[in-house]
C-alpha atoms as a PDB file:
ATOM      1  CA  UNK A   1      69.395  20.611   0.336  1.00  0.00           C
ATOM      2  CA  UNK A   2      68.646  24.105   1.580  1.00  0.00           C
ATOM      3  CA  UNK A   3      68.588  22.939   5.198  1.00  0.00           C
ATOM      4  CA  UNK A   4      72.080  21.463   5.050  1.00  0.00           C
ATOM      5  CA  UNK A   5      75.661  22.692   4.918  1.00  0.00           C
ATOM      6  CA  UNK A   6      77.567  21.514   1.839  1.00  0.00           C
ATOM      7  CA  UNK A   7      81.319  20.941   2.183  1.00  0.00           C
ATOM      8  CA  UNK A   8      83.772  20.006  -0.569  1.00  0.00           C
ATOM      9  CA  UNK A   9      87.045  18.251   0.243  1.00  0.00           C
ATOM     10  CA  UNK A  10      89.979  17.754  -2.112  1.00  0.00           C
ATOM     11  CA  UNK A  11      89.663  13.934  -1.943  1.00  0.00           C
ATOM     12  CA  UNK A  12      87.020  11.380  -1.023  1.00  0.00           C
ATOM     13  CA  UNK A  13      88.328  10.159   2.336  1.00  0.00           C
ATOM     14  CA  UNK A  14      86.646   6.766   1.870  1.00  0.00           C
ATOM     15  CA  UNK A  15      88.694   5.827  -1.200  1.00  0.00           C
ATOM     16  CA  UNK A  16      92.295   4.794  -1.743  1.00  0.00           C
ATOM     17  CA  UNK A  17      94.440   7.627  -3.153  1.00  0.00           C
ATOM     18  CA  UNK A  18      97.668   6.529  -4.928  1.00  0.00           C
ATOM     19  CA  UNK A  19     100.771   8.234  -3.555  1.00  0.00           C
ATOM     20  CA  UNK A  20     103.450  10.210  -5.395  1.00  0.00           C
ATOM     21  CA  UNK A  21     101.481  12.141  -8.024  1.00  0.00           C
ATOM     22  CA  UNK A  22     101.140  15.665  -6.593  1.00  0.00           C
ATOM     23  CA  UNK A  23     103.270  18.440  -8.096  1.00  0.00           C
ATOM     24  CA  UNK A  24     103.943  22.110  -7.369  1.00  0.00           C
ATOM     25  CA  UNK A  25     101.439  22.915 -10.153  1.00  0.00           C
ATOM     26  CA  UNK A  26      98.518  21.047  -8.613  1.00  0.00           C
ATOM     27  CA  UNK A  27      97.082  18.054  -6.772  1.00  0.00           C
ATOM     28  CA  UNK A  28      96.309  14.697  -8.375  1.00  0.00           C
ATOM     29  CA  UNK A  29      92.609  13.897  -7.948  1.00  0.00           C
ATOM     30  CA  UNK A  30      91.462  10.374  -8.764  1.00  0.00           C
ATOM     31  CA  UNK A  31      88.171   9.067 -10.099  1.00  0.00           C
ATOM     32  CA  UNK A  32      86.946   6.093 -12.117  1.00  0.00           C
ATOM     33  CA  UNK A  33      88.470   7.576 -15.258  1.00  0.00           C
ATOM     34  CA  UNK A  34      91.924   7.806 -13.680  1.00  0.00           C
ATOM     35  CA  UNK A  35      94.115  10.715 -12.599  1.00  0.00           C
ATOM     36  CA  UNK A  36      93.339  14.405 -13.083  1.00  0.00           C
ATOM     37  CA  UNK A  37      95.860  17.066 -12.056  1.00  0.00           C
ATOM     38  CA  UNK A  38      93.851  19.912 -10.574  1.00  0.00           C
ATOM     39  CA  UNK A  39      95.505  23.334 -10.369  1.00  0.00           C
ATOM     40  CA  UNK A  40      94.137  26.274  -8.312  1.00  0.00           C
ATOM     41  CA  UNK A  41      92.374  27.827 -11.333  1.00  0.00           C
ATOM     42  CA  UNK A  42      90.449  24.639 -12.180  1.00  0.00           C
ATOM     43  CA  UNK A  43      89.793  24.059  -8.486  1.00  0.00           C
ATOM     44  CA  UNK A  44      88.123  27.472  -8.093  1.00  0.00           C
ATOM     45  CA  UNK A  45      86.005  26.840 -11.211  1.00  0.00           C
ATOM     46  CA  UNK A  46      84.746  23.663  -9.534  1.00  0.00           C
ATOM     47  CA  UNK A  47      83.823  25.579  -6.368  1.00  0.00           C
ATOM     48  CA  UNK A  48      81.972  28.183  -8.441  1.00  0.00           C
ATOM     49  CA  UNK A  49      80.030  25.412 -10.156  1.00  0.00           C
ATOM     50  CA  UNK A  50      79.046  23.663  -6.916  1.00  0.00           C
ATOM     51  CA  UNK A  51      78.753  26.788  -4.741  1.00  0.00           C
ATOM     52  CA  UNK A  52      79.213  24.941  -1.403  1.00  0.00           C
ATOM     53  CA  UNK A  53      78.808  26.375   2.095  1.00  0.00           C
ATOM     54  CA  UNK A  54      82.561  25.980   2.621  1.00  0.00           C
ATOM     55  CA  UNK A  55      85.413  24.062   1.015  1.00  0.00           C
ATOM     56  CA  UNK A  56      88.901  22.799   1.692  1.00  0.00           C
ATOM     57  CA  UNK A  57      91.556  24.745  -0.206  1.00  0.00           C
ATOM     58  CA  UNK A  58      93.770  22.732  -2.550  1.00  0.00           C
ATOM     59  CA  UNK A  59      96.514  20.939  -0.603  1.00  0.00           C
ATOM     60  CA  UNK A  60      99.307  18.383  -0.712  1.00  0.00           C
ATOM     61  CA  UNK A  61      98.558  15.860   2.045  1.00  0.00           C
ATOM     62  CA  UNK A  62     100.564  12.985   0.549  1.00  0.00           C
ATOM     63  CA  UNK A  63     102.567  12.273   3.724  1.00  0.00           C
ATOM     64  CA  UNK A  64     102.488   9.690   6.498  1.00  0.00           C
ATOM     65  CA  UNK A  65     104.738   8.382   9.282  1.00  0.00           C
ATOM     66  CA  UNK A  66     107.237   7.034   6.731  1.00  0.00           C
ATOM     67  CA  UNK A  67     107.669  10.398   4.960  1.00  0.00           C
ATOM     68  CA  UNK A  68     110.990  12.209   5.402  1.00  0.00           C
ATOM     69  CA  UNK A  69     111.395  15.771   6.644  1.00  0.00           C
ATOM     70  CA  UNK A  70     112.151  17.066   3.148  1.00  0.00           C
ATOM     71  CA  UNK A  71     108.837  15.670   1.864  1.00  0.00           C
ATOM     72  CA  UNK A  72     106.988  17.153   4.832  1.00  0.00           C
ATOM     73  CA  UNK A  73     108.533  20.595   4.156  1.00  0.00           C
ATOM     74  CA  UNK A  74     107.540  20.316   0.512  1.00  0.00           C
ATOM     75  CA  UNK A  75     103.949  19.472   1.511  1.00  0.00           C
ATOM     76  CA  UNK A  76     103.771  22.571   3.742  1.00  0.00           C
ATOM     77  CA  UNK A  77     105.289  24.856   1.085  1.00  0.00           C
ATOM     78  CA  UNK A  78     103.031  23.597  -1.710  1.00  0.00           C
ATOM     79  CA  UNK A  79      99.914  23.805   0.439  1.00  0.00           C
ATOM     80  CA  UNK A  80     100.666  27.383   1.512  1.00  0.00           C
ATOM     81  CA  UNK A  81     101.321  28.384  -2.106  1.00  0.00           C
ATOM     82  CA  UNK A  82      98.054  26.748  -3.191  1.00  0.00           C
ATOM     83  CA  UNK A  83      96.226  28.523  -0.369  1.00  0.00           C
ATOM     84  CA  UNK A  84      97.556  31.954  -1.344  1.00  0.00           C
ATOM     85  CA  UNK A  85      96.469  31.452  -4.950  1.00  0.00           C
ATOM     86  CA  UNK A  86      93.082  30.049  -3.910  1.00  0.00           C
ATOM     87  CA  UNK A  87      92.394  32.985  -1.572  1.00  0.00           C
ATOM     88  CA  UNK A  88      93.337  35.479  -4.285  1.00  0.00           C
ATOM     89  CA  UNK A  89      91.037  33.817  -6.841  1.00  0.00           C
ATOM     90  CA  UNK A  90      88.313  33.394  -4.213  1.00  0.00           C
ATOM     91  CA  UNK A  91      88.241  37.136  -3.469  1.00  0.00           C
ATOM     92  CA  UNK A  92      87.826  37.922  -7.175  1.00  0.00           C
ATOM     93  CA  UNK A  93      84.857  35.566  -7.532  1.00  0.00           C
ATOM     94  CA  UNK A  94      81.430  37.146  -7.065  1.00  0.00           C
ATOM     95  CA  UNK A  95      79.826  33.714  -6.811  1.00  0.00           C
ATOM     96  CA  UNK A  96      82.002  32.684  -3.845  1.00  0.00           C
ATOM     97  CA  UNK A  97      81.502  35.809  -1.725  1.00  0.00           C
ATOM     98  CA  UNK A  98      79.401  33.972   0.864  1.00  0.00           C
ATOM     99  CA  UNK A  99      81.447  30.726   0.785  1.00  0.00           C
ATOM    100  CA  UNK A 100      83.954  29.789   3.493  1.00  0.00           C
ATOM    101  CA  UNK A 101      87.519  28.563   2.893  1.00  0.00           C
ATOM    102  CA  UNK A 102      89.311  26.065   5.150  1.00  0.00           C
ATOM    103  CA  UNK A 103      93.117  26.020   5.057  1.00  0.00           C
ATOM    104  CA  UNK A 104      94.986  22.718   5.435  1.00  0.00           C
ATOM    105  CA  UNK A 105      97.594  22.021   8.107  1.00  0.00           C
ATOM    106  CA  UNK A 106     100.390  19.766   6.844  1.00  0.00           C
ATOM    107  CA  UNK A 107     103.852  18.693   8.045  1.00  0.00           C
ATOM    108  CA  UNK A 108     103.713  14.926   8.448  1.00  0.00           C
ATOM    109  CA  UNK A 109     105.068  13.817  11.831  1.00  0.00           C
ATOM    110  CA  UNK A 110     107.562  16.684  12.173  1.00  0.00           C
ATOM    111  CA  UNK A 111     106.834  19.098  15.011  1.00  0.00           C
ATOM    112  CA  UNK A 112     108.536  22.143  13.496  1.00  0.00           C
ATOM    113  CA  UNK A 113     106.791  21.712  10.156  1.00  0.00           C
ATOM    114  CA  UNK A 114     103.412  21.230  11.828  1.00  0.00           C
ATOM    115  CA  UNK A 115     103.991  24.375  13.881  1.00  0.00           C
ATOM    116  CA  UNK A 116     105.092  26.342  10.796  1.00  0.00           C
ATOM    117  CA  UNK A 117     102.083  25.172   8.802  1.00  0.00           C
ATOM    118  CA  UNK A 118      99.692  26.066  11.626  1.00  0.00           C
ATOM    119  CA  UNK A 119     101.137  29.547  12.208  1.00  0.00           C
ATOM    120  CA  UNK A 120     101.316  30.415   8.506  1.00  0.00           C
ATOM    121  CA  UNK A 121      97.819  29.136   7.740  1.00  0.00           C
ATOM    122  CA  UNK A 122      96.322  30.894  10.775  1.00  0.00           C
ATOM    123  CA  UNK A 123      97.844  34.154   9.506  1.00  0.00           C
ATOM    124  CA  UNK A 124      95.783  33.872   6.305  1.00  0.00           C
ATOM    125  CA  UNK A 125      92.147  34.890   5.954  1.00  0.00           C
ATOM    126  CA  UNK A 126      90.607  31.419   6.340  1.00  0.00           C
ATOM    127  CA  UNK A 127      87.380  30.372   8.048  1.00  0.00           C
ATOM    128  CA  UNK A 128      88.599  27.098   9.515  1.00  0.00           C
ATOM    129  CA  UNK A 129      91.265  24.422   9.331  1.00  0.00           C
ATOM    130  CA  UNK A 130      91.643  20.897   7.926  1.00  0.00           C
ATOM    131  CA  UNK A 131      94.131  18.758   9.857  1.00  0.00           C
ATOM    132  CA  UNK A 132      95.667  16.196   7.492  1.00  0.00           C
ATOM    133  CA  UNK A 133      98.851  14.542   6.235  1.00  0.00           C
ATOM    134  CA  UNK A 134      99.163  12.029   9.080  1.00  0.00           C
ATOM    135  CA  UNK A 135      98.305   8.875   7.170  1.00  0.00           C
ATOM    136  CA  UNK A 136      98.264   7.619   3.609  1.00  0.00           C
ATOM    137  CA  UNK A 137      94.756   7.295   2.230  1.00  0.00           C
ATOM    138  CA  UNK A 138      94.361   3.585   1.544  1.00  0.00           C
ATOM    139  CA  UNK A 139      92.551   0.490   2.740  1.00  0.00           C
ATOM    140  CA  UNK A 140      94.489   0.630   6.038  1.00  0.00           C
ATOM    141  CA  UNK A 141      92.946   4.027   6.804  1.00  0.00           C
ATOM    142  CA  UNK A 142      90.375   2.373   9.032  1.00  0.00           C
ATOM    143  CA  UNK A 143      93.025   1.146  11.471  1.00  0.00           C
ATOM    144  CA  UNK A 144      94.521   4.559  12.244  1.00  0.00           C
ATOM    145  CA  UNK A 145      94.782   5.599  15.890  1.00  0.00           C
ATOM    146  CA  UNK A 146      94.187   9.144  17.139  1.00  0.00           C
ATOM    147  CA  UNK A 147      96.635   8.468  19.973  1.00  0.00           C
ATOM    148  CA  UNK A 148      99.508   8.434  17.445  1.00  0.00           C
ATOM    149  CA  UNK A 149      98.742  12.054  16.507  1.00  0.00           C
ATOM    150  CA  UNK A 150      97.820  13.313  19.974  1.00  0.00           C
ATOM    151  CA  UNK A 151     101.000  15.207  20.825  1.00  0.00           C
ATOM    152  CA  UNK A 152     101.372  16.771  17.378  1.00  0.00           C
ATOM    153  CA  UNK A 153      97.726  17.837  17.320  1.00  0.00           C
ATOM    154  CA  UNK A 154      98.147  19.569  20.670  1.00  0.00           C
ATOM    155  CA  UNK A 155     101.093  21.537  19.260  1.00  0.00           C
ATOM    156  CA  UNK A 156      99.089  22.433  16.153  1.00  0.00           C
ATOM    157  CA  UNK A 157      96.039  23.554  18.145  1.00  0.00           C
ATOM    158  CA  UNK A 158      98.195  25.782  20.368  1.00  0.00           C
ATOM    159  CA  UNK A 159      99.017  27.755  17.223  1.00  0.00           C
ATOM    160  CA  UNK A 160      95.463  27.985  15.873  1.00  0.00           C
ATOM    161  CA  UNK A 161      92.778  30.485  16.936  1.00  0.00           C
ATOM    162  CA  UNK A 162      90.187  28.912  19.245  1.00  0.00           C
ATOM    163  CA  UNK A 163      87.221  30.534  17.515  1.00  0.00           C
ATOM    164  CA  UNK A 164      87.628  28.747  14.173  1.00  0.00           C
ATOM    165  CA  UNK A 165      86.524  25.120  13.554  1.00  0.00           C
ATOM    166  CA  UNK A 166      88.920  22.223  12.979  1.00  0.00           C
ATOM    167  CA  UNK A 167      88.057  19.418  10.588  1.00  0.00           C
ATOM    168  CA  UNK A 168      89.843  16.132  10.034  1.00  0.00           C
ATOM    169  CA  UNK A 169      89.265  13.530   7.321  1.00  0.00           C
ATOM    170  CA  UNK A 170      89.500   9.899   8.377  1.00  0.00           C
ATOM    171  CA  UNK A 171      87.526   6.693   8.746  1.00  0.00           C
ATOM    172  CA  UNK A 172      85.892   7.713  12.017  1.00  0.00           C
ATOM    173  CA  UNK A 173      84.829   4.685  14.029  1.00  0.00           C
ATOM    174  CA  UNK A 174      82.922   5.690  17.197  1.00  0.00           C
ATOM    175  CA  UNK A 175      85.864   5.173  19.572  1.00  0.00           C
ATOM    176  CA  UNK A 176      88.159   7.318  17.430  1.00  0.00           C
ATOM    177  CA  UNK A 177      85.468  10.026  17.255  1.00  0.00           C
ATOM    178  CA  UNK A 178      85.211  10.428  21.021  1.00  0.00           C
ATOM    179  CA  UNK A 179      88.995  10.563  21.412  1.00  0.00           C
ATOM    180  CA  UNK A 180      89.358  13.100  18.598  1.00  0.00           C
ATOM    181  CA  UNK A 181      86.590  15.263  20.062  1.00  0.00           C
ATOM    182  CA  UNK A 182      88.411  15.304  23.384  1.00  0.00           C
ATOM    183  CA  UNK A 183      91.568  16.305  21.545  1.00  0.00           C
ATOM    184  CA  UNK A 184      89.886  19.284  19.869  1.00  0.00           C
ATOM    185  CA  UNK A 185      88.509  18.162  16.475  1.00  0.00           C
ATOM    186  CA  UNK A 186      85.150  19.834  15.744  1.00  0.00           C
ATOM    187  CA  UNK A 187      84.015  18.436  12.364  1.00  0.00           C
ATOM    188  CA  UNK A 188      84.146  14.843  11.077  1.00  0.00           C
ATOM    189  CA  UNK A 189      83.323  13.269   7.725  1.00  0.00           C
ATOM    190  CA  UNK A 190      80.983  10.296   7.410  1.00  0.00           C
ATOM    191  CA  UNK A 191      82.782   7.777   5.210  1.00  0.00           C
ATOM    192  CA  UNK A 192      82.797   5.235   8.076  1.00  0.00           C
ATOM    193  CA  UNK A 193      79.089   4.257   7.767  1.00  0.00           C
ATOM    194  CA  UNK A 194      79.553   4.074   3.995  1.00  0.00           C
ATOM    195  CA  UNK A 195      82.450   1.611   4.378  1.00  0.00           C
ATOM    196  CA  UNK A 196      80.391  -0.446   6.840  1.00  0.00           C
ATOM    197  CA  UNK A 197      77.622  -0.528   4.231  1.00  0.00           C
ATOM    198  CA  UNK A 198      80.039  -1.588   1.491  1.00  0.00           C
ATOM    199  CA  UNK A 199      80.986  -4.714   3.446  1.00  0.00           C
ATOM    200  CA  UNK A 200      77.374  -5.599   4.236  1.00  0.00           C
ATOM    201  CA  UNK A 201      77.423  -4.388   7.819  1.00  0.00           C
ATOM    202  CA  UNK A 202      74.856  -2.673  10.027  1.00  0.00           C
ATOM    203  CA  UNK A 203      75.863  -0.368  12.885  1.00  0.00           C
ATOM    204  CA  UNK A 204      74.526  -1.603  16.235  1.00  0.00           C
ATOM    205  CA  UNK A 205      76.653   0.130  18.884  1.00  0.00           C
ATOM    206  CA  UNK A 206      74.790   1.796  21.710  1.00  0.00           C
ATOM    207  CA  UNK A 207      75.079   5.403  22.852  1.00  0.00           C
ATOM    208  CA  UNK A 208      71.965   5.495  25.025  1.00  0.00           C
ATOM    209  CA  UNK A 209      72.872   5.362  28.719  1.00  0.00           C
ATOM    210  CA  UNK A 210      69.654   3.487  29.580  1.00  0.00           C
ATOM    211  CA  UNK A 211      70.111   0.629  27.130  1.00  0.00           C
ATOM    212  CA  UNK A 212      72.361  -2.408  26.952  1.00  0.00           C
ATOM    213  CA  UNK A 213      74.743  -2.201  23.952  1.00  0.00           C
ATOM    214  CA  UNK A 214      73.123  -4.099  21.093  1.00  0.00           C
ATOM    215  CA  UNK A 215      76.360  -5.757  20.057  1.00  0.00           C
ATOM    216  CA  UNK A 216      76.505  -7.585  23.421  1.00  0.00           C
ATOM    217  CA  UNK A 217      73.193  -9.214  22.527  1.00  0.00           C
ATOM    218  CA  UNK A 218      74.549 -10.190  19.131  1.00  0.00           C
ATOM    219  CA  UNK A 219      77.494 -12.239  20.390  1.00  0.00           C
ATOM    220  CA  UNK A 220      78.762 -14.467  17.619  1.00  0.00           C
ATOM    221  CA  UNK A 221      77.759 -12.205  14.730  1.00  0.00           C
ATOM    222  CA  UNK A 222      79.165  -8.945  16.100  1.00  0.00           C
ATOM    223  CA  UNK A 223      82.325  -7.299  14.885  1.00  0.00           C
ATOM    224  CA  UNK A 224      82.532  -4.586  17.523  1.00  0.00           C
ATOM    225  CA  UNK A 225      80.410  -1.633  16.495  1.00  0.00           C
ATOM    226  CA  UNK A 226      78.625  -3.494  13.721  1.00  0.00           C
ATOM    227  CA  UNK A 227      77.082  -6.813  12.736  1.00  0.00           C
ATOM    228  CA  UNK A 228      77.639  -8.528   9.407  1.00  0.00           C
ATOM    229  CA  UNK A 229      74.430  -9.232   7.528  1.00  0.00           C
ATOM    230  CA  UNK A 230      76.446 -11.501   5.236  1.00  0.00           C
ATOM    231  CA  UNK A 231      76.664 -13.934   8.157  1.00  0.00           C
ATOM    232  CA  UNK A 232      74.803 -17.202   7.394  1.00  0.00           C
ATOM    233  CA  UNK A 233      73.157 -17.025  10.815  1.00  0.00           C
ATOM    234  CA  UNK A 234      71.216 -13.981   9.600  1.00  0.00           C
ATOM    235  CA  UNK A 235      69.258 -16.205   7.207  1.00  0.00           C
ATOM    236  CA  UNK A 236      66.583 -16.930   9.833  1.00  0.00           C
ATOM    237  CA  UNK A 237      66.937 -13.798  11.966  1.00  0.00           C
ATOM    238  CA  UNK A 238      63.694 -11.892  11.490  1.00  0.00           C
ATOM    239  CA  UNK A 239      64.553  -8.999  13.794  1.00  0.00           C
ATOM    240  CA  UNK A 240      65.245  -5.521  12.480  1.00  0.00           C
ATOM    241  CA  UNK A 241      68.918  -4.752  11.775  1.00  0.00           C
ATOM    242  CA  UNK A 242      68.852  -2.817  15.064  1.00  0.00           C
ATOM    243  CA  UNK A 243      65.740  -3.514  17.178  1.00  0.00           C
ATOM    244  CA  UNK A 244      64.265  -0.277  18.467  1.00  0.00           C
ATOM    245  CA  UNK A 245      65.836   1.898  15.756  1.00  0.00           C
ATOM    246  CA  UNK A 246      63.420   4.400  14.192  1.00  0.00           C
ATOM    247  CA  UNK A 247      64.951   4.505  10.703  1.00  0.00           C
ATOM    248  CA  UNK A 248      62.988   3.436   7.598  1.00  0.00           C
ATOM    249  CA  UNK A 249      65.053   0.270   7.149  1.00  0.00           C
ATOM    250  CA  UNK A 250      64.627  -1.006  10.697  1.00  0.00           C
ATOM    251  CA  UNK A 251      60.926  -0.178  10.742  1.00  0.00           C
ATOM    252  CA  UNK A 252      60.216  -2.124   7.546  1.00  0.00           C
ATOM    253  CA  UNK A 253      62.836  -4.824   6.886  1.00  0.00           C
ATOM    254  CA  UNK A 254      64.489  -7.736   8.671  1.00  0.00           C
ATOM    255  CA  UNK A 255      68.059  -8.957   8.899  1.00  0.00           C
ATOM    256  CA  UNK A 256      66.982 -12.077   7.041  1.00  0.00           C
ATOM    257  CA  UNK A 257      65.619 -10.065   4.108  1.00  0.00           C
ATOM    258  CA  UNK A 258      68.727  -7.878   3.806  1.00  0.00           C
ATOM    259  CA  UNK A 259      70.894 -11.017   4.075  1.00  0.00           C
ATOM    260  CA  UNK A 260      68.955 -12.397   1.099  1.00  0.00           C
ATOM    261  CA  UNK A 261      69.445  -9.151  -0.847  1.00  0.00           C
ATOM    262  CA  UNK A 262      73.197  -9.259  -0.204  1.00  0.00           C
ATOM    263  CA  UNK A 263      73.434 -12.897  -1.308  1.00  0.00           C
ATOM    264  CA  UNK A 264      71.628 -12.125  -4.560  1.00  0.00           C
ATOM    265  CA  UNK A 265      73.608  -8.890  -5.126  1.00  0.00           C
ATOM    266  CA  UNK A 266      70.447  -6.784  -5.249  1.00  0.00           C
ATOM    267  CA  UNK A 267      71.033  -3.016  -5.442  1.00  0.00           C
ATOM    268  CA  UNK A 268      68.425  -2.512  -2.712  1.00  0.00           C
ATOM    269  CA  UNK A 269      70.770  -4.060  -0.099  1.00  0.00           C
ATOM    270  CA  UNK A 270      73.286  -1.182   0.127  1.00  0.00           C
ATOM    271  CA  UNK A 271      70.460   1.356  -0.141  1.00  0.00           C
ATOM    272  CA  UNK A 272      68.686  -0.059   2.916  1.00  0.00           C
ATOM    273  CA  UNK A 273      71.931  -0.469   4.838  1.00  0.00           C
ATOM    274  CA  UNK A 274      73.053   3.068   4.026  1.00  0.00           C
ATOM    275  CA  UNK A 275      69.744   4.480   5.257  1.00  0.00           C
ATOM    276  CA  UNK A 276      70.200   2.714   8.585  1.00  0.00           C
ATOM    277  CA  UNK A 277      73.935   3.328   8.975  1.00  0.00           C
ATOM    278  CA  UNK A 278      73.693   7.045   8.231  1.00  0.00           C
ATOM    279  CA  UNK A 279      70.714   7.407  10.561  1.00  0.00           C
ATOM    280  CA  UNK A 280      72.486   5.613  13.407  1.00  0.00           C
ATOM    281  CA  UNK A 281      75.791   7.453  12.886  1.00  0.00           C
ATOM    282  CA  UNK A 282      74.124  10.871  12.825  1.00  0.00           C
ATOM    283  CA  UNK A 283      72.070   9.993  15.917  1.00  0.00           C
ATOM    284  CA  UNK A 284      75.391   9.154  17.587  1.00  0.00           C
ATOM    285  CA  UNK A 285      76.651  12.673  16.844  1.00  0.00           C
ATOM    286  CA  UNK A 286      73.406  14.119  18.197  1.00  0.00           C
ATOM    287  CA  UNK A 287      74.055  12.162  21.404  1.00  0.00           C
ATOM    288  CA  UNK A 288      77.612  13.522  21.517  1.00  0.00           C
ATOM    289  CA  UNK A 289      76.411  17.108  21.262  1.00  0.00           C
ATOM    290  CA  UNK A 290      73.795  16.457  23.943  1.00  0.00           C
ATOM    291  CA  UNK A 291      76.378  14.858  26.246  1.00  0.00           C
ATOM    292  CA  UNK A 292      78.559  17.961  25.985  1.00  0.00           C
ATOM    293  CA  UNK A 293      75.652  20.228  26.881  1.00  0.00           C
ATOM    294  CA  UNK A 294      74.711  18.008  29.845  1.00  0.00           C
ATOM    295  CA  UNK A 295      78.310  17.485  31.019  1.00  0.00           C
ATOM    296  CA  UNK A 296      77.967  13.727  30.365  1.00  0.00           C
ATOM    297  CA  UNK A 297      80.661  13.353  27.704  1.00  0.00           C
ATOM    298  CA  UNK A 298      83.015  11.206  29.827  1.00  0.00           C
ATOM    299  CA  UNK A 299      80.174   8.795  30.591  1.00  0.00           C
ATOM    300  CA  UNK A 300      79.333   8.450  26.902  1.00  0.00           C
ATOM    301  CA  UNK A 301      83.013   8.095  25.998  1.00  0.00           C
ATOM    302  CA  UNK A 302      83.432   5.225  28.475  1.00  0.00           C
ATOM    303  CA  UNK A 303      80.350   3.529  27.060  1.00  0.00           C
ATOM    304  CA  UNK A 304      81.702   3.731  23.494  1.00  0.00           C
ATOM    305  CA  UNK A 305      85.206   2.544  24.389  1.00  0.00           C
ATOM    306  CA  UNK A 306      83.738  -0.491  26.195  1.00  0.00           C
ATOM    307  CA  UNK A 307      82.170  -1.606  22.909  1.00  0.00           C
ATOM    308  CA  UNK A 308      85.439  -1.632  20.971  1.00  0.00           C
ATOM    309  CA  UNK A 309      86.097  -4.836  19.027  1.00  0.00           C
ATOM    310  CA  UNK A 310      88.679  -7.028  20.795  1.00  0.00           C
END
């Protein structure tokens, strides 16, 4: 993957993370084997092993709207302490000399704590910022709304340097992406197309100004930005998952065939869906970048918002 940037986050933003297990010594990281408490020393060893392009420093983001001010303060204090240790260990590592470090902005829904976290993190020698701690990481993650964080994000961004990128982990549906971009988020993760794949969906939303949104044509089987290939009506639908798409899946397989693969629990089903969903999602981001260059972002934003599920 020499032609790609590799980024390592503390958690997989597509998975549920149990709450209440972080300590001042480290952050609880979860996998199929259970819980592992990762301290700064182990965390740096992992970065040395992977040697990414940049990584998120260890943090305590276990806060949401229900968290009290004391918990938000604790999250900020722990994250700053982790960051100081990480930066010290990072500087001593020869292997990480060319690797970037992103500091995390915490504070829950408390303005003063958000401001303190932003100012303190910006004062450190970091290459960018991860905005987190707004929502618990669980199955409800997909229903979060950027509008709820709008005012706090504006306060945070006022205290961050404009020349450094801002990244936010979430389940980024297309409508939330365009609103977050307008707010000032620069980098997004791609767990959304993975989650669509996991439920047997194919992305069909349109971002081409000259075409009619595909999901309007798929009335009855559409769920907003996607169609469900588990739907019984797909049994005799011999069109590509997204007609006109140039990906390998759409050029070679039909909705009917993938519907069959899903019904028989064949491993090929998620592989084909992931190929399409990643391709379509990344093409969407290409369109976003192009719209910014051509001063057409508002037009594209309106087009995406119109396709929201009711």
